């Protein structure tokens, strides 16, 4: 491509380029609509967005001789929305809904056609055979579910788009579509973004050699001692599935108040509920502890040098892994303990100094699944985001105009990753969580029961507090 630019991927981007072919890191944004989507306007909008954000029109290129990946960025946008008519959509839904998890009789969560399509899109992995040809970082599809229901999906390679970027992209796309697709002409084009490693403030990135060695040893040894959610089927080919948990406005308000009164964030309460529910599912004696790992993902844009705006596209998250010994204990005690250890790690800048170590271990586990329990590729029990996505009511009019009925944003996790990846949003004052899990390593019935229990733990934790 003579009219293209190229840059090598950074260390974190490289680990995602290694992870996505195996099934972790296909980010999906799904919209359920009650009106036929204006396809030409959406496509025009996506072209405008590709023009203003070069990363969105990039391709991922693997140089097999050196095992290095590059973003190759052509000068023109190329995305085409792939349409599925009523018959094609019905066939996909029928095929997918027959593919139940092994031993799964718990199907009430799988009768929702939109959810079936979310799972279908998460498992459409255009990057599985990336060595054969360069692959675009973004794809789009539109489905006709019925005469009154339609779905539009954007699929993005996580190396090019973290959760903060995906949220910003979706908001910008919807704003432009509701405005008739204008607003992209004559816009200033961003420069091709730098990798996160090049933007870490110098004083926060250095780590003494021996400290690096000790931390690597600690992470490796800890992995062998970690408790896991019980595995149902470790042999069969895996795919990503979703279970959702929704709280009403009152429950959400109580939960947020409970967090605020303790000076902690919602991520800690969600992680604590997940650990307690997992421990309970093992039916252990009440004194017997299990050690669980929690991965917390942090949007680093505000602390990079230079500081990046919230809507700057690319991957600018880092991760902190903490472990916790859990037995029978109250939600809020574990949540506070969870948050304290996370903040301590942040204060020591471990989200920057440990970045290379965690990326290295992630790549080693991908190459050697046997390093993980039952070759499950599970690196943690649960992953959460430090900050919850808030969908404010300003967008309600725009949502009505488009006939928007539901939104889901999540990413696949059946390659390397946690047993439960939590994508939390507060929309119209109500908490809506998408839990992504590897199937059939875990069954839908198992995860549904776990998520139902997490909801009870969160709601009861707030109720008992209100009665005190």
Foldseek 3Di string as FASTA:
>chain_A
DVQKDKDWADLVLLLLLLFQLQQFFWWKKKFKFQDPAPQVLLVLLLQLVCQQAQLQQWWWAADVVVRTIMTIGGNGHDEDAAEAEQVRLVVQLVVQLVPAFPPDPPCPQSPDSRQSVRQVSQQPRPSNPCHVDIGGQKYKYKYDNDNRIIMIMIIGGRQWFPPLQVVLVVVSSLVCVLVVNDDRPPDHHDDHDDHQLVFAPPVLADDDPVVLVVVLVVLLVVLVQADAQAFDDLPDRKGKHKDKDKDDLVLLVLLCVLQVVLVADSQLLLVLLLLALRQVVVVDPQPDWGKFKEKEKEQCQCNTVVRDDSNRIGDRIFIDIDIDIDGDDASVVSSSVSRVVVVVCVVSSCSNHCRSSVSVVSSVCLVPLVSHVSSQLASGAEYYYRDAAEDDCVCVVSCVSRRTDDIDIDHTPRRHYHQWYWHWYQYPSMIMIMTMGMPPSPGPVRVVSSVVSSSVSSSVSSVVVVVD
